[in-house]
Amino acid sequence: MTSSKLITSRLLVISIFVVLVTGCQLLPAQKDNLPPAVTKEELQLSSQTLQNNFWQGLEALEQRQLASHKQQAQEIRNLRALLKKYQQENLLFQRQHTFQIEQLGHLLAPDQSNSTAQGLIINKPITEVVQNDGKLLLGEYEWVLLPIQQLVLPARIDSGANTSSLHAIHLQQFERDGKTWVRFETHYQPENNQPAFEAIIEAPLVRKVNIIQATGSENRPVITLPIQLGALTQPVEFTLTDRSNLTFPILLGRRFFMDIAVIDVSQTYIQGKPEIINNAPAEAE
């Protein structure tokens, strides 16, 4: 072997040795840079944590939305309450206005009803008992004024009855101006031998209704009369029937006070008794 070949062989062996040594040193370094191995348990725990965080975030979002919806619902309820109060006050105003117009019409052109009383009904109670919501407060019994007939009668306020009724005897039906009218007598005898209150009333017949009671059914005529209760004045539909065996000549059902009044059965005559002022001119002697 020549010297040049020997040198070449030695260089080749040295090169191979260097490569092997260098490679052995690099392998551990590359292994150290790899991420650590993840176990199955660690992977499951990480997934569970991620899911928990997601559901907790979703629940918090739902709670915020629910609180917002509750606030909006409460605001809507408050607005509805204000609207209902406004409607009730507006209804009360309209009824009072309608009655005042009707009463003025009766004064300017008196109807043909035959009343035993004379003069004009002017006075109203000074105070009006109402609740904070603007509704009239009524006791179980109240005084009612029939302003056209100028008659003050006690009335029972009955939330169990749908319609109102008025004591009527000697009922007669007749025609006037092509319409059906009824004529009847109503009266009230106070205790302590005081004078009786009575009047003969004529009014157009609105309709007839069949009233079912425990004793049987009864076909009653229905009329409309304006009344005054406290400071409230409005027309009311009455069924006519003989209430001689009952304590009160008038019964006011829930159609009358629905949406405008509430009843406190522990009290009576809360609104006071209307007064009749006789303004008829004195007759010359």
Protein backbone atom coordinates (compact mmCIF):
# COMPACT_ATOMS: atom_id res chain seq x y z
CA MET A 1 0.00 0.00 0.00
CA THR A 2 1.38 3.29 -1.00
CA SER A 3 1.66 6.13 1.40
CA SER A 4 -1.06 8.18 -0.33
CA LYS A 5 -3.59 5.34 -0.10
CA LEU A 6 -2.72 4.84 3.54
CA ILE A 7 -3.30 8.46 4.30
CA THR A 8 -6.58 8.37 2.46
CA SER A 9 -7.75 5.29 4.38
CA ARG A 10 -6.83 6.81 7.68
CA LEU A 11 -8.69 10.03 6.82
CA LEU A 12 -11.76 7.99 5.88
CA VAL A 13 -11.69 6.09 9.16
CA ILE A 14 -11.22 9.30 11.12
CA SER A 15 -14.14 10.89 9.27
CA ILE A 16 -16.39 7.95 9.99
CA PHE A 17 -15.43 8.01 13.63
CA VAL A 18 -16.08 11.73 13.91
CA VAL A 19 -19.48 11.33 12.29
CA LEU A 20 -20.42 8.53 14.66
CA VAL A 21 -19.28 10.45 17.72
CA THR A 22 -21.01 13.64 16.63
CA GLY A 23 -24.22 11.79 15.86
CA CYS A 24 -24.21 10.14 19.28
CA GLN A 25 -23.87 13.53 20.94
CA LEU A 26 -26.66 15.15 18.88
CA LEU A 27 -29.30 12.47 19.46
CA PRO A 28 -29.76 13.10 23.19
CA ALA A 29 -29.92 16.85 22.60
CA GLN A 30 -32.67 16.43 20.00
CA LYS A 31 -34.60 14.12 22.35
CA ASP A 32 -34.41 16.67 25.16
CA ASN A 33 -36.14 19.28 22.93
CA LEU A 34 -39.20 17.05 22.29
CA PRO A 35 -42.40 17.81 24.38
CA PRO A 36 -42.99 15.45 27.29
CA ALA A 37 -45.29 12.53 26.70
CA VAL A 38 -49.00 13.08 27.72
CA THR A 39 -50.81 10.29 29.49
CA LYS A 40 -54.44 9.28 28.80
CA GLU A 41 -55.51 10.34 32.29
CA GLU A 42 -53.99 13.80 31.83
CA LEU A 43 -55.70 14.15 28.45
CA GLN A 44 -59.11 13.22 29.94
CA LEU A 45 -58.62 15.64 32.85
CA SER A 46 -57.75 18.47 30.47
CA SER A 47 -60.83 17.72 28.33
CA GLN A 48 -63.10 17.64 31.40
CA THR A 49 -61.71 20.98 32.61
CA LEU A 50 -62.37 22.52 29.23
CA GLN A 51 -65.94 21.23 29.22
CA ASN A 52 -66.58 22.51 32.76
CA ASN A 53 -65.32 25.96 31.84
CA PHE A 54 -67.58 25.99 28.78
CA TRP A 55 -70.73 25.02 30.69
CA GLN A 56 -69.96 27.46 33.50
CA GLY A 57 -69.59 30.27 31.00
CA LEU A 58 -72.83 29.26 29.26
CA GLU A 59 -74.72 29.13 32.59
CA ALA A 60 -73.42 32.59 33.56
CA LEU A 61 -74.63 33.93 30.21
CA GLU A 62 -78.06 32.38 30.71
CA GLN A 63 -78.30 33.89 34.21
CA ARG A 64 -77.51 37.34 32.84
CA GLN A 65 -80.12 36.95 30.11
CA LEU A 66 -82.70 35.69 32.64
CA ALA A 67 -82.08 38.67 34.94
CA SER A 68 -82.47 41.00 31.97
CA HIS A 69 -85.74 39.31 30.96
CA LYS A 70 -87.07 39.59 34.54
CA GLN A 71 -86.29 43.29 34.60
CA GLN A 72 -88.00 43.78 31.24
CA ALA A 73 -91.03 41.77 32.42
CA GLN A 74 -91.30 43.90 35.58
CA GLU A 75 -91.12 47.08 33.52
CA ILE A 76 -93.89 45.75 31.26
CA ARG A 77 -96.04 44.93 34.31
CA ASN A 78 -95.50 48.44 35.68
CA LEU A 79 -96.51 49.97 32.35
CA ARG A 80 -99.62 47.77 32.21
CA ALA A 81 -100.56 48.84 35.75
CA LEU A 82 -100.20 52.51 34.80
CA LEU A 83 -102.26 51.95 31.66
CA LYS A 84 -105.00 50.17 33.61
CA LYS A 85 -105.11 52.97 36.19
CA TYR A 86 -105.37 55.54 33.41
CA GLN A 87 -108.18 53.58 31.73
CA GLN A 88 -110.07 53.31 35.03
CA GLU A 89 -109.74 57.02 35.74
CA ASN A 90 -110.74 57.83 32.16
CA LEU A 91 -113.76 55.51 32.40
CA LEU A 92 -114.83 57.14 35.66
CA PHE A 93 -114.48 60.59 34.09
CA GLN A 94 -116.47 59.58 31.02
CA ARG A 95 -119.27 58.11 33.11
CA GLN A 96 -119.49 61.22 35.26
CA HIS A 97 -119.42 63.43 32.18
CA THR A 98 -122.15 61.38 30.50
CA PHE A 99 -124.33 61.57 33.55
CA GLN A 100 -123.86 65.32 33.87
CA ILE A 101 -124.89 65.79 30.22
CA GLU A 102 -127.94 63.57 30.74
CA GLN A 103 -128.89 65.40 33.92
CA LEU A 104 -128.57 68.75 32.15
CA GLY A 105 -130.80 67.41 29.39
CA HIS A 106 -133.42 66.39 31.95
CA LEU A 107 -133.31 69.85 33.50
CA LEU A 108 -133.69 71.62 30.15
CA ALA A 109 -136.29 69.21 28.77
CA PRO A 110 -137.77 67.17 31.64
CA ASP A 111 -138.87 63.70 30.73
CA GLN A 112 -142.36 62.45 31.28
CA SER A 113 -141.62 60.36 34.34
CA ASN A 114 -144.03 61.03 37.21
CA SER A 115 -142.08 61.63 40.41
CA THR A 116 -143.69 62.51 43.72
CA ALA A 117 -140.68 64.60 44.82
CA GLN A 118 -140.11 68.27 43.92
CA GLY A 119 -137.05 70.46 43.47
CA LEU A 120 -133.53 69.75 42.20
CA ILE A 121 -130.81 67.47 43.53
CA ILE A 122 -127.70 69.60 43.80
CA ASN A 123 -125.66 68.56 46.81
CA LYS A 124 -122.93 65.92 46.75
CA PRO A 125 -120.93 64.54 49.66
CA ILE A 126 -117.95 66.78 50.45
CA THR A 127 -115.52 63.86 50.62
CA GLU A 128 -115.02 60.88 48.36
CA VAL A 129 -113.41 57.77 49.87
CA VAL A 130 -111.01 56.23 47.37
CA GLN A 131 -108.02 53.89 47.52
CA ASN A 132 -104.48 54.68 46.45
CA ASP A 133 -105.19 53.18 43.03
CA GLY A 134 -108.05 55.63 42.49
CA LYS A 135 -110.85 53.08 42.94
CA LEU A 136 -113.92 54.00 44.95
CA LEU A 137 -114.14 52.24 48.32
CA LEU A 138 -117.59 50.83 49.10
CA GLY A 139 -118.96 49.24 52.23
CA GLU A 140 -121.36 46.31 52.30
CA TYR A 141 -124.25 48.81 52.41
CA GLU A 142 -124.33 52.29 50.83
CA TRP A 143 -126.82 55.11 50.27
CA VAL A 144 -127.87 55.58 46.64
CA LEU A 145 -129.55 58.65 45.16
CA LEU A 146 -131.91 58.46 42.18
CA PRO A 147 -131.43 62.10 41.07
CA ILE A 148 -134.28 62.34 38.55
CA GLN A 149 -136.75 60.87 41.05
CA GLN A 150 -135.00 62.71 43.90
CA LEU A 151 -135.15 59.58 45.99
CA VAL A 152 -132.50 58.34 48.46
CA LEU A 153 -132.51 54.59 49.09
CA PRO A 154 -130.18 52.18 50.91
CA ALA A 155 -128.48 49.61 48.71
CA ARG A 156 -126.71 46.35 49.33
CA ILE A 157 -123.41 45.98 47.45
CA ASP A 158 -123.19 42.34 46.35
CA SER A 159 -120.15 41.04 44.45
CA GLY A 160 -121.88 37.68 44.10
CA ALA A 161 -124.63 39.15 41.94
CA ASN A 162 -123.92 39.93 38.32
CA THR A 163 -126.69 42.47 37.70
CA SER A 164 -128.30 45.19 39.80
CA SER A 165 -131.97 45.11 40.81
CA LEU A 166 -134.52 47.67 42.00
CA HIS A 167 -137.65 47.16 44.08
CA ALA A 168 -140.69 47.54 41.83
CA ILE A 169 -144.40 46.86 42.39
CA HIS A 170 -147.53 47.55 40.33
CA LEU A 171 -145.59 47.05 37.10
CA GLN A 172 -147.32 48.24 33.94
CA GLN A 173 -146.11 48.11 30.36
CA PHE A 174 -147.22 50.70 27.78
CA GLU A 175 -146.29 52.33 24.47
CA ARG A 176 -144.86 55.83 24.10
CA ASP A 177 -143.61 57.32 20.84
CA GLY A 178 -143.48 53.89 19.29
CA LYS A 179 -141.35 52.45 22.10
CA THR A 180 -142.14 50.14 24.98
CA TRP A 181 -142.05 51.74 28.43
CA VAL A 182 -142.68 50.47 31.96
CA ARG A 183 -144.32 52.23 34.88
CA PHE A 184 -143.86 51.03 38.46
CA GLU A 185 -143.78 52.11 42.07
CA THR A 186 -140.74 51.84 44.31
CA HIS A 187 -140.55 52.74 47.97
CA TYR A 188 -138.57 52.30 51.16
CA GLN A 189 -139.89 52.32 54.71
CA PRO A 190 -137.16 53.38 57.19
CA GLU A 191 -137.11 52.13 60.75
CA ASN A 192 -138.16 54.19 63.78
CA ASN A 193 -141.49 55.02 62.12
CA GLN A 194 -139.95 57.64 59.84
CA PRO A 195 -141.84 58.69 56.69
CA ALA A 196 -141.60 56.32 53.76
CA PHE A 197 -139.66 57.23 50.64
CA GLU A 198 -141.61 56.40 47.51
CA ALA A 199 -141.86 57.34 43.87
CA ILE A 200 -143.65 56.31 40.68
CA ILE A 201 -141.10 55.83 37.91
CA GLU A 202 -141.51 55.58 34.16
CA ALA A 203 -138.63 54.49 31.94
CA PRO A 204 -138.05 52.91 28.52
CA LEU A 205 -137.82 49.13 28.54
CA VAL A 206 -134.29 48.07 27.58
CA ARG A 207 -134.95 44.32 27.39
CA LYS A 208 -136.14 41.39 29.47
CA VAL A 209 -133.88 38.84 31.16
CA ASN A 210 -134.49 35.45 32.70
CA ILE A 211 -133.10 35.34 36.26
CA ILE A 212 -132.50 31.87 37.71
CA GLN A 213 -132.68 31.56 41.49
CA ALA A 214 -132.97 28.76 44.02
CA THR A 215 -136.74 29.24 44.09
CA GLY A 216 -136.98 29.09 40.30
CA SER A 217 -136.61 31.35 37.29
CA GLU A 218 -138.16 34.80 36.81
CA ASN A 219 -138.51 36.93 33.68
CA ARG A 220 -137.70 40.53 34.63
CA PRO A 221 -137.84 43.80 32.70
CA VAL A 222 -134.63 45.83 32.53
CA ILE A 223 -134.42 49.64 32.60
CA THR A 224 -131.59 52.18 32.88
CA LEU A 225 -131.60 54.85 35.58
CA PRO A 226 -128.87 57.34 36.56
CA ILE A 227 -127.72 57.04 40.16
CA GLN A 228 -125.36 58.86 42.49
CA LEU A 229 -123.20 57.01 45.01
CA GLY A 230 -120.78 59.21 46.89
CA ALA A 231 -119.21 61.46 44.24
CA LEU A 232 -119.79 58.86 41.52
CA THR A 233 -122.67 59.47 39.13
CA GLN A 234 -123.49 57.13 36.26
CA PRO A 235 -126.36 55.27 34.54
CA VAL A 236 -127.03 51.74 35.81
CA GLU A 237 -129.09 48.91 34.37
CA PHE A 238 -131.64 47.54 36.86
CA THR A 239 -133.79 44.45 36.70
CA LEU A 240 -137.20 45.18 38.23
CA THR A 241 -138.59 42.81 40.86
CA ASP A 242 -140.62 42.88 44.06
CA ARG A 243 -138.12 43.14 46.94
CA SER A 244 -140.73 43.73 49.67
CA ASN A 245 -139.48 40.73 51.62
CA LEU A 246 -135.87 41.96 51.46
CA THR A 247 -134.17 44.56 53.64
CA PHE A 248 -132.78 46.71 50.84
CA PRO A 249 -134.80 48.07 47.94
CA ILE A 250 -131.67 48.25 45.75
CA LEU A 251 -129.01 45.65 45.06
CA LEU A 252 -125.89 46.72 43.16
CA GLY A 253 -124.14 43.86 41.36
CA ARG A 254 -120.57 43.61 40.12
CA ARG A 255 -121.39 45.07 36.69
CA PHE A 256 -121.85 48.40 38.43
CA PHE A 257 -118.56 48.59 40.34
CA MET A 258 -116.32 46.40 38.16
CA ASP A 259 -113.00 48.20 37.47
CA ILE A 260 -114.10 51.36 39.33
CA ALA A 261 -114.64 50.28 42.95
CA VAL A 262 -113.74 47.68 45.58
CA ILE A 263 -115.82 46.41 48.51
CA ASP A 264 -114.81 46.29 52.17
CA VAL A 265 -117.52 44.11 53.75
CA SER A 266 -116.27 44.99 57.23
CA GLN A 267 -117.64 48.54 56.78
CA THR A 268 -121.00 50.07 55.88
CA TYR A 269 -122.08 53.42 54.41
CA ILE A 270 -118.52 54.55 53.72
CA GLN A 271 -119.54 57.13 51.12
CA GLY A 272 -122.13 58.85 53.27
CA LYS A 273 -125.72 59.81 52.53
CA PRO A 274 -126.59 62.26 49.73
CA GLU A 275 -128.74 65.23 50.61
CA ILE A 276 -131.80 66.47 48.79
CA ILE A 277 -132.07 70.23 48.40
CA ASN A 278 -135.57 71.40 47.58
CA ASN A 279 -135.16 74.35 45.22
CA ALA A 280 -138.74 74.45 44.01
CA PRO A 281 -140.19 77.97 44.13
CA ALA A 282 -142.55 78.65 47.01
CA GLU A 283 -146.21 78.82 46.12
CA ALA A 284 -147.90 82.18 46.49
CA GLU A 285 -150.37 82.38 49.36
